[in-house]
């Protein structure tokens, strides 16, 4: 009897206790909370809901899951809630397969299905997702409930992490760029976007319908997480005549070792032939995508696409809509038609555009930037926006709007009201501005930032979490 009791105890430990030891704080993990999609969509955060007025709970997005769980069993028709079995087969090993990951991470699955090479996947011993993304970040071990995977601390996996590229070869490119340009800006061969989501299909039938997947481009922004130039991608949407662009930092797993970009791939003033920069320098903005009505095809910019400081005016694309029934099966189709070439909303999160200085370094004409931005983006009133990301470590971005010319000052204070740093001081023309606050050297805690502009004063709180 004693042996049977011991055996039952061992089985309990192996089957239930040991798996739970690796779960960390799963309830606060992004795999459980699914906070990423509401962060980008909800109106309270300035998302596409401002134009659709359709709550995300009615879209089926947060409840999205693969057809079957990790055991291969179909999910119930109702009552789904994210759980361990989404990824872990409930056998003795609780193994996670690559297909379990790609069943949800469709962007990476699309890169693989298109046959785009990656030095890690193509290694003699191919890498899979969990070789780089450890369970500590997947299970939410730090207990912090993040708004998005782009929040500082949400994903620690990076090129120069422990056990990976802790040091890199010394050469002219690395020595010049490594401190302010992320590795993937040169070593990712492409990014990917699903161009022009037909949102009526999502609202009415929970179908993800886009015109096509686009590759062979890299948009360059400044990532707020570390202040480095970093690849970005976007999602473009149309719904009942309303149009939207949501853009943020992103790395498609398309890493190349020996065929990284060289000077002429990014610098028009170093002999490069870069269509995006040529388009911008010729005036009228940067047209990323053009719809050809005669044959229902799309042409778009290839190669490096630097996001200019006046992107809200200058970064343009044609928006289209699906002419068929929103409930039609999702399949390649030319049954689309032109809507307009302007976005009613442009959402740039966790990144900022290139500065005038950076644009000039690439050979972009910055002389007309200030004039055209002022004409097209005069704000309705003074505004000091909440910094993002928040909490942050070590840097965050503060956006503010100035409706009339005058002196502006933004100051950082600690929790006791002691002045820490003056971020901005000086004369401003009307416009929308962004400033980066780097808290390297400061301790974790609550800080405040205050704007003084003509007759406007406002203070907001920010949280540094190291």
Protein backbone atom coordinates (compact mmCIF):
# COMPACT_ATOMS: atom_id res chain seq x y z
CA UNK A 1 0.00 0.00 0.00
CA UNK A 2 2.85 2.35 0.83
CA UNK A 3 4.46 1.74 -2.59
CA UNK A 4 1.19 2.53 -4.35
CA UNK A 5 0.89 5.81 -2.41
CA UNK A 6 4.46 6.80 -3.38
CA UNK A 7 3.79 5.94 -7.02
CA UNK A 8 0.64 8.07 -7.08
CA UNK A 9 2.56 10.96 -5.52
CA UNK A 10 5.32 10.71 -8.13
CA UNK A 11 2.75 10.69 -10.94
CA UNK A 12 1.08 13.76 -9.46
CA UNK A 13 4.39 15.62 -9.27
CA UNK A 14 5.36 14.73 -12.84
CA UNK A 15 1.95 15.32 -14.36
CA UNK A 16 0.80 18.42 -12.52
CA UNK A 17 3.32 20.05 -10.23
CA UNK A 18 6.37 20.04 -12.53
CA UNK A 19 4.54 21.56 -15.52
CA UNK A 20 3.17 24.31 -13.30
CA UNK A 21 6.68 25.24 -12.14
CA UNK A 22 7.49 26.45 -15.64
CA UNK A 23 4.30 28.46 -16.09
CA UNK A 24 5.59 31.59 -14.36
CA UNK A 25 2.86 34.23 -14.17
CA UNK A 26 0.95 32.98 -17.19
CA UNK A 27 -2.15 35.01 -16.36
CA UNK A 28 -0.20 38.24 -16.96
CA UNK A 29 1.53 37.00 -20.13
CA UNK A 30 0.55 38.32 -23.56
CA UNK A 31 -0.28 34.75 -24.57
CA UNK A 32 -3.05 34.85 -21.96
CA UNK A 33 -4.18 38.48 -21.92
CA UNK A 34 -4.06 39.05 -25.70
CA UNK A 35 -3.50 42.75 -24.93
CA UNK A 36 -1.65 43.46 -28.16
CA UNK A 37 -4.65 43.70 -30.47
CA UNK A 38 -6.74 46.00 -28.24
CA UNK A 39 -3.69 48.22 -27.76
CA UNK A 40 -3.60 48.87 -31.50
CA UNK A 41 -7.34 48.86 -32.16
CA UNK A 42 -9.20 50.45 -29.24
CA UNK A 43 -10.36 54.05 -29.60
CA UNK A 44 -9.09 54.99 -26.14
CA UNK A 45 -5.59 54.38 -27.48
CA UNK A 46 -6.28 56.18 -30.76
CA UNK A 47 -6.84 53.03 -32.80
CA UNK A 48 -9.03 52.13 -35.78
CA UNK A 49 -12.11 51.83 -33.58
CA UNK A 50 -12.28 55.63 -33.72
CA UNK A 51 -13.52 55.25 -37.30
CA UNK A 52 -15.41 51.95 -37.13
CA UNK A 53 -17.18 52.39 -33.75
CA UNK A 54 -17.17 48.58 -33.57
CA UNK A 55 -15.74 47.20 -30.27
CA UNK A 56 -13.00 44.63 -30.63
CA UNK A 57 -15.12 42.12 -28.70
CA UNK A 58 -17.43 41.96 -31.74
CA UNK A 59 -14.62 41.17 -34.18
CA UNK A 60 -13.48 37.79 -32.93
CA UNK A 61 -9.87 39.01 -32.84
CA UNK A 62 -8.97 38.57 -29.17
CA UNK A 63 -10.64 35.14 -29.12
CA UNK A 64 -8.76 34.08 -32.27
CA UNK A 65 -7.18 30.62 -32.11
CA UNK A 66 -6.05 27.79 -34.34
CA UNK A 67 -8.61 25.20 -35.42
CA UNK A 68 -7.35 22.56 -32.98
CA UNK A 69 -5.50 22.64 -29.69
CA UNK A 70 -2.00 21.22 -29.27
CA UNK A 71 -3.48 17.75 -28.73
CA UNK A 72 -5.19 17.95 -32.12
CA UNK A 73 -8.65 18.24 -30.56
CA UNK A 74 -11.12 20.77 -32.04
CA UNK A 75 -11.87 23.79 -29.89
CA UNK A 76 -15.45 24.17 -28.62
CA UNK A 77 -17.71 26.48 -30.58
CA UNK A 78 -18.10 28.84 -27.61
CA UNK A 79 -16.40 29.53 -24.31
CA UNK A 80 -12.79 29.72 -25.53
CA UNK A 81 -10.21 31.13 -23.14
CA UNK A 82 -6.43 31.07 -23.72
CA UNK A 83 -4.84 28.21 -21.85
CA UNK A 84 -1.76 25.98 -21.72
CA UNK A 85 -3.22 23.46 -24.14
CA UNK A 86 -3.12 26.10 -26.90
CA UNK A 87 0.61 25.39 -27.17
CA UNK A 88 1.38 22.36 -25.01
CA UNK A 89 0.25 18.85 -25.83
CA UNK A 90 -0.89 17.40 -22.50
CA UNK A 91 1.32 14.36 -22.58
CA UNK A 92 4.29 13.49 -20.38
CA UNK A 93 6.65 15.93 -22.14
CA UNK A 94 4.33 18.94 -22.63
CA UNK A 95 6.23 19.51 -25.87
CA UNK A 96 5.67 22.56 -28.08
CA UNK A 97 6.12 22.07 -31.82
CA UNK A 98 7.02 24.67 -34.42
CA UNK A 99 3.58 24.25 -35.97
CA UNK A 100 2.01 25.12 -32.62
CA UNK A 101 3.77 28.50 -32.80
CA UNK A 102 3.09 29.15 -36.49
CA UNK A 103 -0.58 28.28 -36.12
CA UNK A 104 -1.03 31.67 -34.42
CA UNK A 105 1.94 33.67 -35.71
CA UNK A 106 0.73 33.79 -39.27
CA UNK A 107 3.11 36.54 -40.42
CA UNK A 108 6.10 34.30 -39.73
CA UNK A 109 4.31 31.34 -41.28
CA UNK A 110 3.79 33.41 -44.44
CA UNK A 111 7.51 34.24 -44.64
CA UNK A 112 8.32 30.53 -44.44
CA UNK A 113 5.62 29.52 -46.93
CA UNK A 114 6.99 32.02 -49.44
CA UNK A 115 10.38 30.31 -49.27
CA UNK A 116 12.19 33.42 -48.02
CA UNK A 117 15.49 32.25 -46.54
CA UNK A 118 16.69 32.89 -43.02
CA UNK A 119 20.17 32.05 -41.81
CA UNK A 120 18.82 30.58 -38.58
CA UNK A 121 16.10 28.41 -40.10
CA UNK A 122 18.50 27.29 -42.84
CA UNK A 123 21.30 26.29 -40.48
CA UNK A 124 22.60 22.71 -40.46
CA UNK A 125 20.56 22.29 -37.30
CA UNK A 126 17.55 24.50 -38.10
CA UNK A 127 16.42 26.95 -35.44
CA UNK A 128 12.82 26.91 -34.26
CA UNK A 129 10.97 29.63 -32.35
CA UNK A 130 11.71 28.33 -28.86
CA UNK A 131 15.46 28.24 -29.50
CA UNK A 132 15.46 32.04 -29.18
CA UNK A 133 12.21 32.84 -27.38
CA UNK A 134 12.60 31.24 -23.97
CA UNK A 135 9.75 30.18 -21.72
CA UNK A 136 10.49 32.99 -19.26
CA UNK A 137 9.11 35.63 -21.63
CA UNK A 138 6.43 33.38 -23.14
CA UNK A 139 5.02 32.50 -19.70
CA UNK A 140 5.21 36.02 -18.28
CA UNK A 141 7.69 35.16 -15.56
CA UNK A 142 8.21 38.79 -14.47
CA UNK A 143 4.53 39.15 -13.55
CA UNK A 144 4.10 42.40 -15.51
CA UNK A 145 0.99 42.75 -17.67
CA UNK A 146 2.25 44.39 -20.86
CA UNK A 147 0.15 46.24 -23.41
CA UNK A 148 2.10 44.91 -26.38
CA UNK A 149 5.08 42.77 -27.26
CA UNK A 150 6.82 46.05 -28.16
CA UNK A 151 6.80 47.24 -24.55
CA UNK A 152 10.23 47.34 -22.96
CA UNK A 153 10.64 44.09 -21.03
CA UNK A 154 7.88 42.17 -22.82
CA UNK A 155 10.32 40.42 -25.16
CA UNK A 156 13.97 40.29 -24.20
CA UNK A 157 15.00 38.16 -27.19
CA UNK A 158 17.36 40.13 -29.42
CA UNK A 159 20.37 39.61 -31.65
CA UNK A 160 22.98 40.49 -29.06
CA UNK A 161 21.49 38.57 -26.14
CA UNK A 162 23.43 36.16 -23.98
CA UNK A 163 24.32 33.00 -25.86
CA UNK A 164 23.80 34.57 -29.29
CA UNK A 165 25.72 37.41 -30.93
CA UNK A 166 27.30 38.78 -27.76
CA UNK A 167 30.08 40.23 -29.88
CA UNK A 168 30.21 41.01 -33.59
CA UNK A 169 33.04 41.24 -36.09
CA UNK A 170 34.91 44.53 -36.28
CA UNK A 171 34.40 46.15 -39.67
CA UNK A 172 33.64 49.62 -40.99
CA UNK A 173 29.87 49.09 -41.13
CA UNK A 174 29.61 47.65 -37.62
CA UNK A 175 31.95 50.19 -36.11
CA UNK A 176 30.01 53.09 -37.61
CA UNK A 177 26.43 51.92 -37.16
CA UNK A 178 26.17 49.40 -34.34
CA UNK A 179 25.53 52.01 -31.63
CA UNK A 180 22.52 53.59 -33.36
CA UNK A 181 21.24 51.12 -35.96
CA UNK A 182 19.73 47.76 -35.06
CA UNK A 183 21.29 44.69 -36.68
CA UNK A 184 18.09 43.80 -38.54
CA UNK A 185 18.04 47.11 -40.42
CA UNK A 186 20.87 45.69 -42.51
CA UNK A 187 20.52 41.94 -42.05
CA UNK A 188 16.76 41.41 -42.56
CA UNK A 189 16.21 40.94 -46.28
CA UNK A 190 12.52 41.91 -46.22
CA UNK A 191 9.48 42.61 -44.13
CA UNK A 192 5.91 41.54 -44.85
CA UNK A 193 2.49 43.15 -44.76
CA UNK A 194 -1.00 42.00 -45.67
CA UNK A 195 -1.99 44.93 -47.87
CA UNK A 196 -5.39 46.58 -47.45
CA UNK A 197 -7.56 44.57 -45.08
CA UNK A 198 -11.23 44.62 -46.10
CA UNK A 199 -12.62 45.31 -42.66
CA UNK A 200 -16.24 44.64 -43.60
CA UNK A 201 -15.25 40.97 -43.94
CA UNK A 202 -13.79 41.05 -40.42
CA UNK A 203 -16.78 42.83 -38.88
CA UNK A 204 -19.55 40.86 -40.56
CA UNK A 205 -18.04 37.37 -40.92
CA UNK A 206 -14.78 37.38 -38.90
CA UNK A 207 -12.78 36.73 -42.08
CA UNK A 208 -9.29 38.13 -42.60
CA UNK A 209 -9.37 39.35 -46.18
CA UNK A 210 -6.53 41.38 -47.69
CA UNK A 211 -5.69 42.07 -51.32
CA UNK A 212 -2.27 40.42 -51.11
CA UNK A 213 0.86 39.91 -49.03
CA UNK A 214 3.68 42.30 -49.91
CA UNK A 215 7.39 41.62 -49.37
CA UNK A 216 10.71 42.98 -50.68
CA UNK A 217 10.62 46.19 -48.64
CA UNK A 218 12.00 47.49 -45.36
CA UNK A 219 10.52 50.60 -43.74
CA UNK A 220 13.03 52.30 -41.43
CA UNK A 221 11.95 54.04 -38.19
CA UNK A 222 13.47 54.84 -34.81
CA UNK A 223 12.41 52.15 -32.32
CA UNK A 224 11.48 53.75 -28.99
CA UNK A 225 12.61 50.68 -27.04
CA UNK A 226 16.28 51.47 -27.65
CA UNK A 227 16.31 54.54 -29.88
CA UNK A 228 17.90 52.61 -32.76
CA UNK A 229 16.94 52.68 -36.43
CA UNK A 230 14.83 49.55 -36.87
CA UNK A 231 12.66 47.86 -39.52
CA UNK A 232 8.91 48.51 -39.40
CA UNK A 233 5.86 47.21 -41.16
CA UNK A 234 2.24 48.31 -41.31
CA UNK A 235 -1.34 47.22 -41.65
CA UNK A 236 -3.62 49.16 -43.99
CA UNK A 237 -7.39 48.98 -43.67
CA UNK A 238 -10.53 50.22 -45.35
CA UNK A 239 -14.05 50.16 -43.92
CA UNK A 240 -17.11 51.93 -45.32
CA UNK A 241 -14.93 54.48 -47.06
CA UNK A 242 -12.73 55.08 -44.01
CA UNK A 243 -9.02 54.31 -44.34
CA UNK A 244 -6.25 53.68 -41.84
CA UNK A 245 -2.56 52.87 -41.49
CA UNK A 246 -1.16 51.28 -38.32
CA UNK A 247 2.65 51.07 -38.27
CA UNK A 248 5.16 49.81 -35.75
CA UNK A 249 8.57 48.13 -35.42
CA UNK A 250 8.69 44.59 -36.74
CA UNK A 251 11.23 41.99 -37.78
CA UNK A 252 10.30 39.32 -40.26
CA UNK A 253 12.56 36.32 -39.77
CA UNK A 254 14.41 36.82 -43.04
CA UNK A 255 17.94 37.28 -41.71
CA UNK A 256 20.91 37.06 -44.04
CA UNK A 257 24.51 36.82 -42.89
CA UNK A 258 26.60 37.50 -45.97
CA UNK A 259 24.28 39.63 -48.10
CA UNK A 260 23.56 42.48 -45.72
CA UNK A 261 22.78 45.93 -47.06
CA UNK A 262 25.63 48.16 -48.07
CA UNK A 263 25.89 51.97 -48.17
CA UNK A 264 24.25 52.36 -51.59
CA UNK A 265 21.20 50.33 -50.49
CA UNK A 266 20.21 53.07 -48.03
CA UNK A 267 22.12 56.23 -49.00
CA UNK A 268 21.01 58.00 -52.17
CA UNK A 269 23.92 60.41 -51.68
CA UNK A 270 26.35 57.48 -51.78
CA UNK A 271 25.32 56.45 -55.28
CA UNK A 272 22.24 54.47 -54.30
CA UNK A 273 19.21 54.19 -56.56
CA UNK A 274 16.42 54.08 -53.96
CA UNK A 275 12.90 54.50 -55.40
CA UNK A 276 11.38 55.70 -52.10
CA UNK A 277 13.94 58.48 -51.71
CA UNK A 278 13.66 59.46 -55.39
CA UNK A 279 9.89 59.66 -55.00
CA UNK A 280 10.18 61.84 -51.90
CA UNK A 281 12.80 64.14 -53.37
CA UNK A 282 10.71 64.71 -56.50
CA UNK A 283 8.03 66.38 -54.34
CA UNK A 284 4.47 65.44 -53.51
CA UNK A 285 5.34 62.87 -50.89
CA UNK A 286 6.25 59.18 -50.93
CA UNK A 287 3.66 56.97 -52.67
CA UNK A 288 4.17 53.49 -51.23
CA UNK A 289 1.45 51.66 -53.19
CA UNK A 290 -0.41 52.50 -56.41
CA UNK A 291 -3.56 50.73 -57.60
CA UNK A 292 -3.77 50.09 -61.34
CA UNK A 293 -7.49 50.25 -62.12
CA UNK A 294 -7.08 49.05 -65.71
CA UNK A 295 -5.95 45.56 -64.77
CA UNK A 296 -6.67 45.44 -60.99
CA UNK A 297 -3.03 45.08 -59.99
CA UNK A 298 -0.86 46.84 -57.46
CA UNK A 299 2.59 48.35 -57.80
CA UNK A 300 4.57 49.42 -54.74
CA UNK A 301 7.94 50.64 -53.55
CA UNK A 302 10.66 48.04 -53.12
CA UNK A 303 13.83 48.15 -51.08
CA UNK A 304 14.51 50.61 -48.26
CA UNK A 305 11.68 53.02 -47.40
CA UNK A 306 12.82 55.59 -44.81
CA UNK A 307 9.84 56.98 -42.87
CA UNK A 308 10.19 60.79 -43.08
CA UNK A 309 9.47 63.18 -40.24
CA UNK A 310 6.41 64.51 -42.09
CA UNK A 311 5.07 61.00 -42.69
CA UNK A 312 1.46 61.91 -41.88
CA UNK A 313 1.44 64.04 -45.00
CA UNK A 314 4.06 62.43 -47.19
CA UNK A 315 3.63 58.65 -46.74
CA UNK A 316 0.74 57.78 -49.03
CA UNK A 317 -0.85 54.74 -50.61
CA UNK A 318 -3.92 53.84 -52.60
CA UNK A 319 -6.70 52.22 -50.58
CA UNK A 320 -9.05 49.73 -52.17
CA UNK A 321 -12.19 47.80 -51.21
CA UNK A 322 -13.45 44.31 -52.00
CA UNK A 323 -16.48 44.35 -54.31
CA UNK A 324 -17.77 40.89 -53.46
CA UNK A 325 -19.76 39.60 -50.51
CA UNK A 326 -17.95 39.96 -47.14
CA UNK A 327 -18.78 36.31 -46.49
CA UNK A 328 -17.07 35.04 -49.65
CA UNK A 329 -14.33 32.44 -49.08
CA UNK A 330 -10.95 34.16 -48.69
CA UNK A 331 -9.00 33.57 -51.90
CA UNK A 332 -6.87 35.57 -54.36
CA UNK A 333 -9.12 37.89 -56.34
CA UNK A 334 -9.02 40.94 -58.61
CA UNK A 335 -12.53 41.93 -57.56
CA UNK A 336 -11.30 45.09 -55.83
CA UNK A 337 -11.70 48.78 -56.64
CA UNK A 338 -10.10 52.10 -55.70
CA UNK A 339 -11.31 54.12 -52.68
CA UNK A 340 -8.82 56.99 -52.20
CA UNK A 341 -5.13 57.70 -51.70
CA UNK A 342 -5.25 59.26 -48.23
CA UNK A 343 -5.42 57.71 -44.77
CA UNK A 344 -8.08 59.08 -42.43
CA UNK A 345 -5.88 57.96 -39.57
CA UNK A 346 -2.19 57.11 -39.22
CA UNK A 347 -1.13 55.29 -36.09
CA UNK A 348 2.59 55.03 -35.33
CA UNK A 349 3.28 53.25 -32.04
CA UNK A 350 6.51 52.23 -30.32
CA UNK A 351 8.46 54.08 -33.01
CA UNK A 352 9.15 57.57 -34.26
CA UNK A 353 9.95 58.72 -37.81
CA UNK A 354 13.46 59.54 -38.93
CA UNK A 355 14.68 62.97 -37.91
CA UNK A 356 15.66 65.66 -40.40
CA UNK A 357 19.29 64.89 -39.62
CA UNK A 358 18.83 61.19 -40.37
CA UNK A 359 16.93 61.98 -43.56
CA UNK A 360 19.72 64.25 -44.75
CA UNK A 361 22.28 61.52 -44.04
CA UNK A 362 20.37 59.26 -46.45
CA UNK A 363 20.21 61.90 -49.15
CA UNK A 364 16.61 62.99 -48.62
CA UNK A 365 15.60 66.57 -49.36
CA UNK A 366 14.54 68.18 -46.06
CA UNK A 367 14.05 71.75 -47.28
CA UNK A 368 10.30 71.43 -47.83
CA UNK A 369 9.54 69.29 -44.78
CA UNK A 370 8.62 72.04 -42.32
CA UNK A 371 6.37 73.95 -44.77
CA UNK A 372 4.24 70.94 -45.86
CA UNK A 373 3.89 69.60 -42.29
CA UNK A 374 2.61 72.88 -40.96
CA UNK A 375 0.07 73.20 -43.78
CA UNK A 376 -1.40 69.74 -43.26
CA UNK A 377 -1.12 69.11 -39.52
CA UNK A 378 -2.03 72.27 -37.60
CA UNK A 379 -3.50 70.88 -34.35
CA UNK A 380 -6.85 72.04 -32.98
CA UNK A 381 -5.46 72.80 -29.53
CA UNK A 382 -2.65 72.27 -27.07
CA UNK A 383 -2.14 68.67 -26.08
CA UNK A 384 0.37 66.70 -24.02
CA UNK A 385 -0.07 63.01 -24.76
CA UNK A 386 0.73 60.06 -22.52
CA UNK A 387 4.25 58.84 -23.10
CA UNK A 388 4.70 55.52 -24.87
CA UNK A 389 5.68 52.94 -23.98
CA UNK A 390 4.70 53.28 -20.33
CA UNK A 391 6.10 51.68 -18.17
CA UNK A 392 9.40 52.03 -20.03
CA UNK A 393 13.08 51.15 -19.85
CA UNK A 394 15.28 53.00 -20.59
CA UNK A 395 13.66 55.35 -23.13
CA UNK A 396 10.18 56.57 -23.97
CA UNK A 397 8.56 59.01 -26.40
CA UNK A 398 6.46 62.06 -25.52
CA UNK A 399 4.20 63.63 -28.18
CA UNK A 400 2.75 67.12 -27.87
CA UNK A 401 0.73 69.50 -30.04
CA UNK A 402 1.26 73.25 -30.42
CA UNK A 403 -1.58 75.18 -32.17
CA UNK A 404 0.14 78.59 -32.07
CA UNK A 405 3.77 79.64 -32.34
CA UNK A 406 5.65 80.40 -29.14
CA UNK A 407 8.15 79.21 -26.57
CA UNK A 408 7.75 75.65 -25.28
CA UNK A 409 9.42 73.90 -22.35
CA UNK A 410 9.12 70.27 -21.23
CA UNK A 411 10.73 69.31 -17.92
CA UNK A 412 11.11 65.96 -16.13
CA UNK A 413 10.60 65.82 -12.34
CA UNK A 414 11.02 63.04 -9.80
CA UNK A 415 8.28 61.97 -7.38
CA UNK A 416 9.38 64.65 -4.86
CA UNK A 417 9.14 67.45 -7.41
CA UNK A 418 12.87 67.79 -7.99
CA UNK A 419 13.79 68.83 -11.53
CA UNK A 420 15.65 66.00 -13.27
CA UNK A 421 16.05 67.12 -16.86
CA UNK A 422 14.86 69.77 -19.32
CA UNK A 423 13.88 67.89 -22.47
CA UNK A 424 12.75 70.79 -24.63
CA UNK A 425 13.14 74.56 -24.38
CA UNK A 426 12.78 77.10 -27.15
CA UNK A 427 10.57 78.55 -29.84
CA UNK A 428 8.14 76.25 -31.72
CA UNK A 429 6.10 76.79 -34.85
CA UNK A 430 2.61 75.28 -34.89
CA UNK A 431 2.65 71.52 -35.32
CA UNK A 432 2.79 68.10 -33.69
CA UNK A 433 6.11 67.16 -32.11
CA UNK A 434 7.78 64.19 -30.44
CA UNK A 435 10.70 64.08 -28.03
CA UNK A 436 12.57 61.09 -26.62
CA UNK A 437 13.35 60.79 -22.89
CA UNK A 438 16.31 58.54 -22.09
CA UNK A 439 16.29 57.55 -18.40
CA UNK A 440 19.58 55.66 -18.46
CA UNK A 441 21.22 56.21 -15.09
CA UNK A 442 17.97 56.86 -13.23
CA UNK A 443 16.43 54.44 -10.75
CA UNK A 444 13.09 52.73 -11.19
CA UNK A 445 10.08 54.69 -9.99
CA UNK A 446 7.45 57.28 -10.78
CA UNK A 447 8.42 60.48 -12.58
CA UNK A 448 6.46 63.39 -14.01
CA UNK A 449 6.77 65.46 -17.16
CA UNK A 450 5.34 68.95 -17.51
CA UNK A 451 4.81 71.17 -20.53
CA UNK A 452 4.74 74.97 -20.37
CA UNK A 453 3.63 76.58 -23.65
CA UNK A 454 2.30 80.14 -23.86
CA UNK A 455 -0.81 79.89 -21.64
CA UNK A 456 -0.89 76.09 -21.44
CA UNK A 457 0.48 73.96 -18.59
CA UNK A 458 -0.11 70.22 -18.14
CA UNK A 459 1.60 67.46 -16.17
CA UNK A 460 1.55 63.70 -16.73
CA UNK A 461 3.04 60.70 -14.93
CA UNK A 462 5.48 58.19 -16.37
CA UNK A 463 6.86 54.99 -14.85
CA UNK A 464 10.45 53.80 -15.21
CA UNK A 465 10.67 50.05 -14.59
CA UNK A 466 14.10 48.44 -14.76
